[in-house]
Amino acid sequence: MAEISKEEFNGFYKEKIEPLLSDFEAERISLNKKLKPFEIIMVIALICLVVCFICCFFSEIEILRLVCAVCLIIAVLCSAYCYFVQSKFMKKLKAKVTSKVLTLYGNMYFSGQKNIITQDEIREAGLFPSFSRKTDDDIVIGIHKECNFVISETVLEHTEGSGKNRHTVTDFHGLIVKIQMKKRFSGKTVIGNNVTKGRSMGAVELESVEFMKGRKIYATDQIESRYILTTSFMEKIEGLQRLYGCKELISTAFMNGYVYLFIPTEKDFFEVPFKKTLLNPDNYYSIYQELDYILSVVEYLNLDRNLGL
């Protein structure tokens, strides 16, 4: 569909979304009141934890360590409970309300199936060589302009250290978009700031100094990679970068007839703020804008003439 204006979207919101929100808004207000005591207890426990931790440096009183442990447990339990309640509510809201934004595009839906984009695919891209665990949250599957795609909220992690120094490192947190190309390409091209150079791959240097900042590009076919990495494509990637406010660079892989976009963002896709009123159409319009821009990339990549293949 063609991009719609904010005024047109507000009409859609009034007709399709707002009528569903009254019960959810009442439940949200009720849950906020219910969670308030737990949030206060959590803050108090954290303050006590910090105070006791500092006191441990100046005293060898054993009870202080016990108090620290108790405060930590209380803070963790309160935080976990608040997260569970909010997460359960937001998933219900997302399934019944915010998913209505998908109906603007027709053939698109949330999927409960995980690992649609597999670990092996991500490893083959070579953009996150250290990760060993993958966790998926929301997954959207759709067809846009006769082009199949998947949007997956994903976290990639690995563990470092051992014993007390053992800790989890996040390699990627954000959206992975997998787009099936109408016309296949024979080579492999990867773009990122921590790319593992694969076999038979050579470095590619582009004329755009701005796009190359912080990025490395490797390809098995230099000529094909330059057809793929057009000025328009680079502008699309930079547009996504600005829209999502990514602190890290977006990485990309062209391989096996698919394009993979790795969009790093801490923002939860398709979610609205729990602490603020649900009756704000801007919350849903921002979701529409994010989805629409991703689909504009899908549409662009599906045009053979743009890629020159």
C-alpha atoms as a PDB file:
ATOM      1  CA  MET A   1       0.000   0.000   0.000  1.00  0.00           C
ATOM      2  CA  ALA A   2       1.052   3.601  -0.461  1.00  0.00           C
ATOM      3  CA  GLU A   3       2.314   5.493   2.560  1.00  0.00           C
ATOM      4  CA  ILE A   4      -0.537   7.145   4.431  1.00  0.00           C
ATOM      5  CA  SER A   5      -0.463  10.505   6.186  1.00  0.00           C
ATOM      6  CA  LYS A   6      -0.749  10.963   9.925  1.00  0.00           C
ATOM      7  CA  GLU A   7      -4.275  12.310   9.469  1.00  0.00           C
ATOM      8  CA  GLU A   8      -5.257   9.204   7.503  1.00  0.00           C
ATOM      9  CA  PHE A   9      -3.685   6.985  10.147  1.00  0.00           C
ATOM     10  CA  ASN A  10      -5.603   8.813  12.887  1.00  0.00           C
ATOM     11  CA  GLY A  11      -8.799   7.915  11.025  1.00  0.00           C
ATOM     12  CA  PHE A  12      -7.704   4.261  11.022  1.00  0.00           C
ATOM     13  CA  TYR A  13      -6.866   4.538  14.742  1.00  0.00           C
ATOM     14  CA  LYS A  14     -10.315   5.960  15.560  1.00  0.00           C
ATOM     15  CA  GLU A  15     -12.075   3.190  13.650  1.00  0.00           C
ATOM     16  CA  LYS A  16      -9.954   0.077  14.333  1.00  0.00           C
ATOM     17  CA  ILE A  17      -7.836   0.642  17.436  1.00  0.00           C
ATOM     18  CA  GLU A  18      -9.449   3.117  19.827  1.00  0.00           C
ATOM     19  CA  PRO A  19     -12.661   1.059  20.340  1.00  0.00           C
ATOM     20  CA  LEU A  20     -10.534  -1.793  21.708  1.00  0.00           C
ATOM     21  CA  LEU A  21      -8.541   0.275  24.171  1.00  0.00           C
ATOM     22  CA  SER A  22     -10.951   1.239  26.979  1.00  0.00           C
ATOM     23  CA  ASP A  23     -10.767  -2.118  28.784  1.00  0.00           C
ATOM     24  CA  PHE A  24      -7.007  -2.338  28.268  1.00  0.00           C
ATOM     25  CA  GLU A  25      -6.459   1.180  29.604  1.00  0.00           C
ATOM     26  CA  ALA A  26      -8.516   0.410  32.715  1.00  0.00           C
ATOM     27  CA  GLU A  27      -6.489  -2.778  33.251  1.00  0.00           C
ATOM     28  CA  ARG A  28      -3.214  -0.906  32.740  1.00  0.00           C
ATOM     29  CA  ILE A  29      -4.139   1.677  35.393  1.00  0.00           C
ATOM     30  CA  SER A  30      -5.156  -1.103  37.784  1.00  0.00           C
ATOM     31  CA  LEU A  31      -1.924  -3.015  37.218  1.00  0.00           C
ATOM     32  CA  ASN A  32       0.161   0.123  37.762  1.00  0.00           C
ATOM     33  CA  LYS A  33      -1.483   0.594  41.168  1.00  0.00           C
ATOM     34  CA  LYS A  34      -0.950  -3.087  41.956  1.00  0.00           C
ATOM     35  CA  LEU A  35       2.741  -2.954  41.023  1.00  0.00           C
ATOM     36  CA  LYS A  36       3.507   0.328  42.782  1.00  0.00           C
ATOM     37  CA  PRO A  37       4.245  -1.248  46.216  1.00  0.00           C
ATOM     38  CA  PHE A  38       6.588  -3.786  44.618  1.00  0.00           C
ATOM     39  CA  GLU A  39       8.425  -1.001  42.784  1.00  0.00           C
ATOM     40  CA  ILE A  40       8.810   0.962  46.039  1.00  0.00           C
ATOM     41  CA  ILE A  41      10.081  -2.126  47.872  1.00  0.00           C
ATOM     42  CA  MET A  42      12.533  -2.763  45.026  1.00  0.00           C
ATOM     43  CA  VAL A  43      13.923   0.794  45.239  1.00  0.00           C
ATOM     44  CA  ILE A  44      14.249   0.583  49.024  1.00  0.00           C
ATOM     45  CA  ALA A  45      15.986  -2.796  48.739  1.00  0.00           C
ATOM     46  CA  LEU A  46      18.443  -1.406  46.172  1.00  0.00           C
ATOM     47  CA  ILE A  47      19.222   1.606  48.368  1.00  0.00           C
ATOM     48  CA  CYS A  48      19.812  -0.676  51.362  1.00  0.00           C
ATOM     49  CA  LEU A  49      21.979  -2.921  49.201  1.00  0.00           C
ATOM     50  CA  VAL A  50      24.196  -0.013  48.164  1.00  0.00           C
ATOM     51  CA  VAL A  51      24.487   1.276  51.746  1.00  0.00           C
ATOM     52  CA  CYS A  52      25.322  -2.160  53.142  1.00  0.00           C
ATOM     53  CA  PHE A  53      27.784  -2.826  50.324  1.00  0.00           C
ATOM     54  CA  ILE A  54      29.640   0.389  51.136  1.00  0.00           C
ATOM     55  CA  CYS A  55      29.617  -0.435  54.858  1.00  0.00           C
ATOM     56  CA  CYS A  56      31.209  -3.804  54.091  1.00  0.00           C
ATOM     57  CA  PHE A  57      34.359  -1.971  52.994  1.00  0.00           C
ATOM     58  CA  PHE A  58      34.699  -0.351  56.400  1.00  0.00           C
ATOM     59  CA  SER A  59      33.471  -3.139  58.639  1.00  0.00           C
ATOM     60  CA  GLU A  60      33.874  -6.891  58.934  1.00  0.00           C
ATOM     61  CA  ILE A  61      30.483  -7.424  60.531  1.00  0.00           C
ATOM     62  CA  GLU A  62      29.203 -10.645  58.981  1.00  0.00           C
ATOM     63  CA  ILE A  63      25.560  -9.621  59.243  1.00  0.00           C
ATOM     64  CA  LEU A  64      26.133  -6.898  56.629  1.00  0.00           C
ATOM     65  CA  ARG A  65      26.890  -9.517  53.980  1.00  0.00           C
ATOM     66  CA  LEU A  66      23.697 -11.334  54.889  1.00  0.00           C
ATOM     67  CA  VAL A  67      21.700  -8.102  54.653  1.00  0.00           C
ATOM     68  CA  CYS A  68      23.261  -7.435  51.227  1.00  0.00           C
ATOM     69  CA  ALA A  69      22.205 -10.873  50.018  1.00  0.00           C
ATOM     70  CA  VAL A  70      18.658 -10.475  51.347  1.00  0.00           C
ATOM     71  CA  CYS A  71      18.285  -7.009  49.777  1.00  0.00           C
ATOM     72  CA  LEU A  72      19.548  -8.324  46.447  1.00  0.00           C
ATOM     73  CA  ILE A  73      17.102 -11.232  46.501  1.00  0.00           C
ATOM     74  CA  ILE A  74      14.181  -8.933  47.368  1.00  0.00           C
ATOM     75  CA  ALA A  75      15.102  -6.482  44.577  1.00  0.00           C
ATOM     76  CA  VAL A  76      15.451  -9.277  42.019  1.00  0.00           C
ATOM     77  CA  LEU A  77      12.159 -10.925  42.991  1.00  0.00           C
ATOM     78  CA  CYS A  78      10.244  -7.622  42.881  1.00  0.00           C
ATOM     79  CA  SER A  79      11.792  -6.728  39.535  1.00  0.00           C
ATOM     80  CA  ALA A  80      11.006 -10.172  38.107  1.00  0.00           C
ATOM     81  CA  TYR A  81       7.404 -10.007  39.288  1.00  0.00           C
ATOM     82  CA  CYS A  82       6.862  -6.529  37.807  1.00  0.00           C
ATOM     83  CA  TYR A  83       8.441  -7.631  34.539  1.00  0.00           C
ATOM     84  CA  PHE A  84       6.264 -10.765  34.383  1.00  0.00           C
ATOM     85  CA  VAL A  85       3.027  -8.837  34.989  1.00  0.00           C
ATOM     86  CA  GLN A  86       3.887  -6.093  32.491  1.00  0.00           C
ATOM     87  CA  SER A  87       5.108  -8.567  29.880  1.00  0.00           C
ATOM     88  CA  LYS A  88       1.941 -10.660  30.132  1.00  0.00           C
ATOM     89  CA  PHE A  89      -0.237  -7.555  29.716  1.00  0.00           C
ATOM     90  CA  MET A  90       1.792  -6.166  26.808  1.00  0.00           C
ATOM     91  CA  LYS A  91       1.688  -9.466  24.925  1.00  0.00           C
ATOM     92  CA  LYS A  92      -2.101  -9.530  25.215  1.00  0.00           C
ATOM     93  CA  LEU A  93      -2.300  -5.902  24.095  1.00  0.00           C
ATOM     94  CA  LYS A  94       0.025  -6.572  21.190  1.00  0.00           C
ATOM     95  CA  ALA A  95      -1.940  -9.598  20.002  1.00  0.00           C
ATOM     96  CA  LYS A  96      -5.357  -7.934  20.158  1.00  0.00           C
ATOM     97  CA  VAL A  97      -4.686  -4.240  19.545  1.00  0.00           C
ATOM     98  CA  THR A  98      -1.326  -3.104  18.178  1.00  0.00           C
ATOM     99  CA  SER A  99      -1.310  -5.988  15.710  1.00  0.00           C
ATOM    100  CA  LYS A 100      -4.164  -4.155  13.973  1.00  0.00           C
ATOM    101  CA  VAL A 101      -1.454  -2.037  12.345  1.00  0.00           C
ATOM    102  CA  LEU A 102      -0.549  -5.156  10.345  1.00  0.00           C
ATOM    103  CA  THR A 103      -3.980  -5.108   8.730  1.00  0.00           C
ATOM    104  CA  LEU A 104      -2.946  -1.988   6.825  1.00  0.00           C
ATOM    105  CA  TYR A 105      -0.764  -4.273   4.710  1.00  0.00           C
ATOM    106  CA  GLY A 106      -2.967  -7.327   4.367  1.00  0.00           C
ATOM    107  CA  ASN A 107      -0.882 -10.484   4.109  1.00  0.00           C
ATOM    108  CA  MET A 108       1.083 -10.144   7.335  1.00  0.00           C
ATOM    109  CA  TYR A 109       0.771 -11.794  10.760  1.00  0.00           C
ATOM    110  CA  PHE A 110       2.454 -12.548  14.078  1.00  0.00           C
ATOM    111  CA  SER A 111       3.923 -16.034  14.329  1.00  0.00           C
ATOM    112  CA  GLY A 112       4.384 -18.061  17.503  1.00  0.00           C
ATOM    113  CA  GLN A 113       7.030 -20.169  15.774  1.00  0.00           C
ATOM    114  CA  LYS A 114      10.585 -19.473  16.910  1.00  0.00           C
ATOM    115  CA  ASN A 115      13.875 -19.975  15.043  1.00  0.00           C
ATOM    116  CA  ILE A 116      12.420 -19.114  11.647  1.00  0.00           C
ATOM    117  CA  ILE A 117      15.764 -17.391  11.128  1.00  0.00           C
ATOM    118  CA  THR A 118      18.162 -20.076  12.303  1.00  0.00           C
ATOM    119  CA  GLN A 119      21.456 -19.875  14.180  1.00  0.00           C
ATOM    120  CA  ASP A 120      23.190 -21.523  11.231  1.00  0.00           C
ATOM    121  CA  GLU A 121      22.055 -18.718   8.902  1.00  0.00           C
ATOM    122  CA  ILE A 122      23.351 -16.073  11.294  1.00  0.00           C
ATOM    123  CA  ARG A 123      26.664 -17.890  11.733  1.00  0.00           C
ATOM    124  CA  GLU A 124      27.048 -18.178   7.972  1.00  0.00           C
ATOM    125  CA  ALA A 125      26.737 -14.401   7.695  1.00  0.00           C
ATOM    126  CA  GLY A 126      29.800 -14.100   9.950  1.00  0.00           C
ATOM    127  CA  LEU A 127      28.678 -10.818  11.507  1.00  0.00           C
ATOM    128  CA  PHE A 128      28.526 -12.026  15.116  1.00  0.00           C
ATOM    129  CA  PRO A 129      31.219 -14.697  15.343  1.00  0.00           C
ATOM    130  CA  SER A 130      31.158 -15.057  19.138  1.00  0.00           C
ATOM    131  CA  PHE A 131      27.467 -15.690  19.798  1.00  0.00           C
ATOM    132  CA  SER A 132      26.368 -19.090  21.081  1.00  0.00           C
ATOM    133  CA  ARG A 133      22.752 -18.464  22.163  1.00  0.00           C
ATOM    134  CA  LYS A 134      19.786 -16.976  20.314  1.00  0.00           C
ATOM    135  CA  THR A 135      16.511 -15.860  21.887  1.00  0.00           C
ATOM    136  CA  ASP A 136      13.523 -14.818  19.778  1.00  0.00           C
ATOM    137  CA  ASP A 137      10.596 -12.691  20.930  1.00  0.00           C
ATOM    138  CA  ASP A 138       8.024 -11.362  18.472  1.00  0.00           C
ATOM    139  CA  ILE A 139       8.159 -12.612  14.902  1.00  0.00           C
ATOM    140  CA  VAL A 140       6.227 -11.126  11.976  1.00  0.00           C
ATOM    141  CA  ILE A 141       5.842 -13.034   8.710  1.00  0.00           C
ATOM    142  CA  GLY A 142       4.480 -11.458   5.573  1.00  0.00           C
ATOM    143  CA  ILE A 143       4.445 -10.915   1.837  1.00  0.00           C
ATOM    144  CA  HIS A 144       4.933  -7.422   0.456  1.00  0.00           C
ATOM    145  CA  LYS A 145       4.900  -6.703  -3.275  1.00  0.00           C
ATOM    146  CA  GLU A 146       5.144 -10.475  -3.900  1.00  0.00           C
ATOM    147  CA  CYS A 147       8.251 -10.617  -1.708  1.00  0.00           C
ATOM    148  CA  ASN A 148       8.447 -12.939   1.327  1.00  0.00           C
ATOM    149  CA  PHE A 149      10.008 -11.552   4.489  1.00  0.00           C
ATOM    150  CA  VAL A 150      10.433 -12.232   8.201  1.00  0.00           C
ATOM    151  CA  ILE A 151      10.981  -9.694  11.003  1.00  0.00           C
ATOM    152  CA  SER A 152      12.338 -11.246  14.185  1.00  0.00           C
ATOM    153  CA  GLU A 153      13.047  -9.578  17.534  1.00  0.00           C
ATOM    154  CA  THR A 154      16.211 -11.392  18.528  1.00  0.00           C
ATOM    155  CA  VAL A 155      18.960 -11.382  21.141  1.00  0.00           C
ATOM    156  CA  LEU A 156      22.325 -13.020  20.434  1.00  0.00           C
ATOM    157  CA  GLU A 157      24.590 -13.752  23.416  1.00  0.00           C
ATOM    158  CA  HIS A 158      27.660 -15.637  24.549  1.00  0.00           C
ATOM    159  CA  THR A 159      29.322 -16.345  27.888  1.00  0.00           C
ATOM    160  CA  GLU A 160      32.791 -15.221  28.911  1.00  0.00           C
ATOM    161  CA  GLY A 161      34.979 -15.981  31.915  1.00  0.00           C
ATOM    162  CA  SER A 162      34.625 -18.772  34.441  1.00  0.00           C
ATOM    163  CA  GLY A 163      33.604 -19.218  38.050  1.00  0.00           C
ATOM    164  CA  LYS A 164      32.768 -15.935  39.767  1.00  0.00           C
ATOM    165  CA  ASN A 165      33.974 -14.023  36.689  1.00  0.00           C
ATOM    166  CA  ARG A 166      31.535 -15.824  34.396  1.00  0.00           C
ATOM    167  CA  HIS A 167      29.198 -13.324  32.716  1.00  0.00           C
ATOM    168  CA  THR A 168      26.897 -12.955  29.713  1.00  0.00           C
ATOM    169  CA  VAL A 169      27.847 -10.713  26.796  1.00  0.00           C
ATOM    170  CA  THR A 170      25.185  -9.445  24.383  1.00  0.00           C
ATOM    171  CA  ASP A 171      26.406  -9.601  20.773  1.00  0.00           C
ATOM    172  CA  PHE A 172      23.196  -8.285  19.241  1.00  0.00           C
ATOM    173  CA  HIS A 173      19.832  -7.023  20.454  1.00  0.00           C
ATOM    174  CA  GLY A 174      17.286  -5.825  17.958  1.00  0.00           C
ATOM    175  CA  LEU A 175      15.498  -6.773  14.749  1.00  0.00           C
ATOM    176  CA  ILE A 176      16.678  -9.265  12.158  1.00  0.00           C
ATOM    177  CA  VAL A 177      14.879  -8.818   8.838  1.00  0.00           C
ATOM    178  CA  LYS A 178      15.144 -11.634   6.302  1.00  0.00           C
ATOM    179  CA  ILE A 179      14.032 -10.745   2.775  1.00  0.00           C
ATOM    180  CA  GLN A 180      13.737 -13.209  -0.103  1.00  0.00           C
ATOM    181  CA  MET A 181      15.014 -11.725  -3.348  1.00  0.00           C
ATOM    182  CA  LYS A 182      12.933 -12.125  -6.484  1.00  0.00           C
ATOM    183  CA  LYS A 183      16.067 -12.554  -8.543  1.00  0.00           C
ATOM    184  CA  ARG A 184      18.875 -14.545  -6.988  1.00  0.00           C
ATOM    185  CA  PHE A 185      22.502 -13.431  -6.825  1.00  0.00           C
ATOM    186  CA  SER A 186      25.349 -15.912  -6.973  1.00  0.00           C
ATOM    187  CA  GLY A 187      27.833 -14.381  -4.550  1.00  0.00           C
ATOM    188  CA  LYS A 188      27.951 -13.406  -0.895  1.00  0.00           C
ATOM    189  CA  THR A 189      28.365  -9.868   0.429  1.00  0.00           C
ATOM    190  CA  VAL A 190      28.496  -8.939   4.122  1.00  0.00           C
ATOM    191  CA  ILE A 191      28.614  -5.493   5.733  1.00  0.00           C
ATOM    192  CA  GLY A 192      29.333  -4.847   9.399  1.00  0.00           C
ATOM    193  CA  ASN A 193      31.786  -3.531  11.960  1.00  0.00           C
ATOM    194  CA  ASN A 194      32.949  -6.959  13.159  1.00  0.00           C
ATOM    195  CA  VAL A 195      32.829  -9.118  10.060  1.00  0.00           C
ATOM    196  CA  THR A 196      34.513 -12.507   9.900  1.00  0.00           C
ATOM    197  CA  LYS A 197      36.088 -12.749   6.451  1.00  0.00           C
ATOM    198  CA  GLY A 198      34.882 -15.923   4.806  1.00  0.00           C
ATOM    199  CA  ARG A 199      36.669 -18.148   2.343  1.00  0.00           C
ATOM    200  CA  SER A 200      37.184 -16.611  -1.116  1.00  0.00           C
ATOM    201  CA  MET A 201      36.005 -13.213   0.122  1.00  0.00           C
ATOM    202  CA  GLY A 202      37.824  -9.969  -0.592  1.00  0.00           C
ATOM    203  CA  ALA A 203      37.543  -6.501   0.901  1.00  0.00           C
ATOM    204  CA  VAL A 204      35.289  -4.011  -0.896  1.00  0.00           C
ATOM    205  CA  GLU A 205      35.876  -0.262  -0.752  1.00  0.00           C
ATOM    206  CA  LEU A 206      33.018   2.051  -1.715  1.00  0.00           C
ATOM    207  CA  GLU A 207      33.215   5.679  -2.769  1.00  0.00           C
ATOM    208  CA  SER A 208      30.868   6.741   0.042  1.00  0.00           C
ATOM    209  CA  VAL A 209      33.299   7.642   2.826  1.00  0.00           C
ATOM    210  CA  GLU A 210      30.405   8.310   5.221  1.00  0.00           C
ATOM    211  CA  PHE A 211      28.877   4.849   4.705  1.00  0.00           C
ATOM    212  CA  MET A 212      32.254   3.137   5.119  1.00  0.00           C
ATOM    213  CA  LYS A 213      32.896   4.770   8.511  1.00  0.00           C
ATOM    214  CA  GLY A 214      33.052   1.951  11.054  1.00  0.00           C
ATOM    215  CA  ARG A 215      32.028  -0.632   8.491  1.00  0.00           C
ATOM    216  CA  LYS A 216      33.896  -3.447   6.785  1.00  0.00           C
ATOM    217  CA  ILE A 217      32.628  -4.990   3.563  1.00  0.00           C
ATOM    218  CA  TYR A 218      33.658  -8.376   2.196  1.00  0.00           C
ATOM    219  CA  ALA A 219      32.356 -10.127  -0.918  1.00  0.00           C
ATOM    220  CA  THR A 220      33.003 -13.194  -3.023  1.00  0.00           C
ATOM    221  CA  ASP A 221      32.181 -11.234  -6.182  1.00  0.00           C
ATOM    222  CA  GLN A 222      33.434  -7.653  -6.328  1.00  0.00           C
ATOM    223  CA  ILE A 223      31.380  -6.696  -9.386  1.00  0.00           C
ATOM    224  CA  GLU A 224      28.143  -8.115  -8.017  1.00  0.00           C
ATOM    225  CA  SER A 225      28.686  -6.444  -4.629  1.00  0.00           C
ATOM    226  CA  ARG A 226      28.961  -3.040  -6.301  1.00  0.00           C
ATOM    227  CA  TYR A 227      25.709  -3.642  -8.180  1.00  0.00           C
ATOM    228  CA  ILE A 228      24.046  -4.504  -4.865  1.00  0.00           C
ATOM    229  CA  LEU A 229      25.501  -1.669  -2.796  1.00  0.00           C
ATOM    230  CA  THR A 230      23.972   1.205  -4.712  1.00  0.00           C
ATOM    231  CA  THR A 231      23.724   4.753  -3.422  1.00  0.00           C
ATOM    232  CA  SER A 232      19.972   4.243  -2.952  1.00  0.00           C
ATOM    233  CA  PHE A 233      20.529   1.121  -0.859  1.00  0.00           C
ATOM    234  CA  MET A 234      23.037   2.904   1.373  1.00  0.00           C
ATOM    235  CA  GLU A 235      20.546   5.747   1.838  1.00  0.00           C
ATOM    236  CA  LYS A 236      17.887   3.223   2.879  1.00  0.00           C
ATOM    237  CA  ILE A 237      20.207   1.746   5.501  1.00  0.00           C
ATOM    238  CA  GLU A 238      21.115   5.190   6.831  1.00  0.00           C
ATOM    239  CA  GLY A 239      17.394   6.020   6.948  1.00  0.00           C
ATOM    240  CA  LEU A 240      16.736   2.947   9.093  1.00  0.00           C
ATOM    241  CA  GLN A 241      19.670   3.941  11.272  1.00  0.00           C
ATOM    242  CA  ARG A 242      18.106   7.346  11.963  1.00  0.00           C
ATOM    243  CA  LEU A 243      14.544   6.067  12.368  1.00  0.00           C
ATOM    244  CA  TYR A 244      15.491   3.567  15.059  1.00  0.00           C
ATOM    245  CA  GLY A 245      18.124   5.821  16.624  1.00  0.00           C
ATOM    246  CA  CYS A 246      20.609   2.943  16.494  1.00  0.00           C
ATOM    247  CA  LYS A 247      23.679   3.531  18.625  1.00  0.00           C
ATOM    248  CA  GLU A 248      25.463   0.777  16.699  1.00  0.00           C
ATOM    249  CA  LEU A 249      25.660   0.390  12.940  1.00  0.00           C
ATOM    250  CA  ILE A 250      23.170  -1.719  11.002  1.00  0.00           C
ATOM    251  CA  SER A 251      24.800  -4.826   9.542  1.00  0.00           C
ATOM    252  CA  THR A 252      23.757  -6.542   6.322  1.00  0.00           C
ATOM    253  CA  ALA A 253      24.333  -9.839   4.560  1.00  0.00           C
ATOM    254  CA  PHE A 254      23.444 -10.839   0.981  1.00  0.00           C
ATOM    255  CA  MET A 255      23.639 -14.617   0.610  1.00  0.00           C
ATOM    256  CA  ASN A 256      21.756 -17.657  -0.680  1.00  0.00           C
ATOM    257  CA  GLY A 257      19.111 -15.540  -2.384  1.00  0.00           C
ATOM    258  CA  TYR A 258      18.227 -13.609   0.773  1.00  0.00           C
ATOM    259  CA  VAL A 259      19.077 -10.254   2.287  1.00  0.00           C
ATOM    260  CA  TYR A 260      19.518 -10.055   6.066  1.00  0.00           C
ATOM    261  CA  LEU A 261      19.300  -6.753   7.930  1.00  0.00           C
ATOM    262  CA  PHE A 262      20.513  -6.652  11.531  1.00  0.00           C
ATOM    263  CA  ILE A 263      19.002  -3.531  13.131  1.00  0.00           C
ATOM    264  CA  PRO A 264      20.387  -2.983  16.665  1.00  0.00           C
ATOM    265  CA  THR A 265      17.817  -1.370  18.928  1.00  0.00           C
ATOM    266  CA  GLU A 266      16.828  -1.634  22.583  1.00  0.00           C
ATOM    267  CA  LYS A 267      13.276  -0.625  21.713  1.00  0.00           C
ATOM    268  CA  ASP A 268      10.645  -3.362  21.789  1.00  0.00           C
ATOM    269  CA  PHE A 269       9.077  -3.677  18.371  1.00  0.00           C
ATOM    270  CA  PHE A 270       5.266  -3.301  18.326  1.00  0.00           C
ATOM    271  CA  GLU A 271       5.064  -2.187  21.954  1.00  0.00           C
ATOM    272  CA  VAL A 272       3.717   1.001  23.495  1.00  0.00           C
ATOM    273  CA  PRO A 273       4.836   2.458  26.874  1.00  0.00           C
ATOM    274  CA  PHE A 274       3.265   0.650  29.834  1.00  0.00           C
ATOM    275  CA  LYS A 275       3.600   3.620  32.186  1.00  0.00           C
ATOM    276  CA  LYS A 276       1.771   6.037  29.889  1.00  0.00           C
ATOM    277  CA  THR A 277      -1.796   6.140  28.609  1.00  0.00           C
ATOM    278  CA  LEU A 278      -2.638   3.735  25.808  1.00  0.00           C
ATOM    279  CA  LEU A 279      -5.037   6.291  24.328  1.00  0.00           C
ATOM    280  CA  ASN A 280      -2.380   8.146  22.365  1.00  0.00           C
ATOM    281  CA  PRO A 281      -2.537   7.561  18.595  1.00  0.00           C
ATOM    282  CA  ASP A 282       1.110   8.663  18.246  1.00  0.00           C
ATOM    283  CA  ASN A 283       2.197   5.402  19.913  1.00  0.00           C
ATOM    284  CA  TYR A 284       0.629   3.377  17.114  1.00  0.00           C
ATOM    285  CA  TYR A 285       1.635   5.768  14.358  1.00  0.00           C
ATOM    286  CA  SER A 286       5.306   5.368  15.326  1.00  0.00           C
ATOM    287  CA  ILE A 287       4.866   1.593  15.036  1.00  0.00           C
ATOM    288  CA  TYR A 288       3.348   2.107  11.579  1.00  0.00           C
ATOM    289  CA  GLN A 289       6.269   4.338  10.530  1.00  0.00           C
ATOM    290  CA  GLU A 290       8.871   1.800  11.647  1.00  0.00           C
ATOM    291  CA  LEU A 291       7.114  -1.039   9.871  1.00  0.00           C
ATOM    292  CA  ASP A 292       6.470   1.035   6.764  1.00  0.00           C
ATOM    293  CA  TYR A 293      10.131   1.966   6.404  1.00  0.00           C
ATOM    294  CA  ILE A 294      11.227  -1.652   6.721  1.00  0.00           C
ATOM    295  CA  LEU A 295       8.717  -2.569   4.032  1.00  0.00           C
ATOM    296  CA  SER A 296      10.043   0.214   1.811  1.00  0.00           C
ATOM    297  CA  VAL A 297      13.418  -1.533   2.036  1.00  0.00           C
ATOM    298  CA  VAL A 298      11.729  -4.842   1.190  1.00  0.00           C
ATOM    299  CA  GLU A 299      10.079  -3.213  -1.814  1.00  0.00           C
ATOM    300  CA  TYR A 300      13.305  -1.564  -2.931  1.00  0.00           C
ATOM    301  CA  LEU A 301      15.329  -4.764  -2.736  1.00  0.00           C
ATOM    302  CA  ASN A 302      12.691  -6.581  -4.768  1.00  0.00           C
ATOM    303  CA  LEU A 303      13.180  -4.316  -7.805  1.00  0.00           C
ATOM    304  CA  ASP A 304      15.603  -5.975 -10.225  1.00  0.00           C
ATOM    305  CA  ARG A 305      16.430  -2.711 -11.959  1.00  0.00           C
ATOM    306  CA  ASN A 306      17.696  -1.166  -8.724  1.00  0.00           C
ATOM    307  CA  LEU A 307      20.165  -3.968  -8.151  1.00  0.00           C
ATOM    308  CA  GLY A 308      21.221  -4.333 -11.730  1.00  0.00           C
ATOM    309  CA  LEU A 309      21.230  -8.125 -11.517  1.00  0.00           C
END
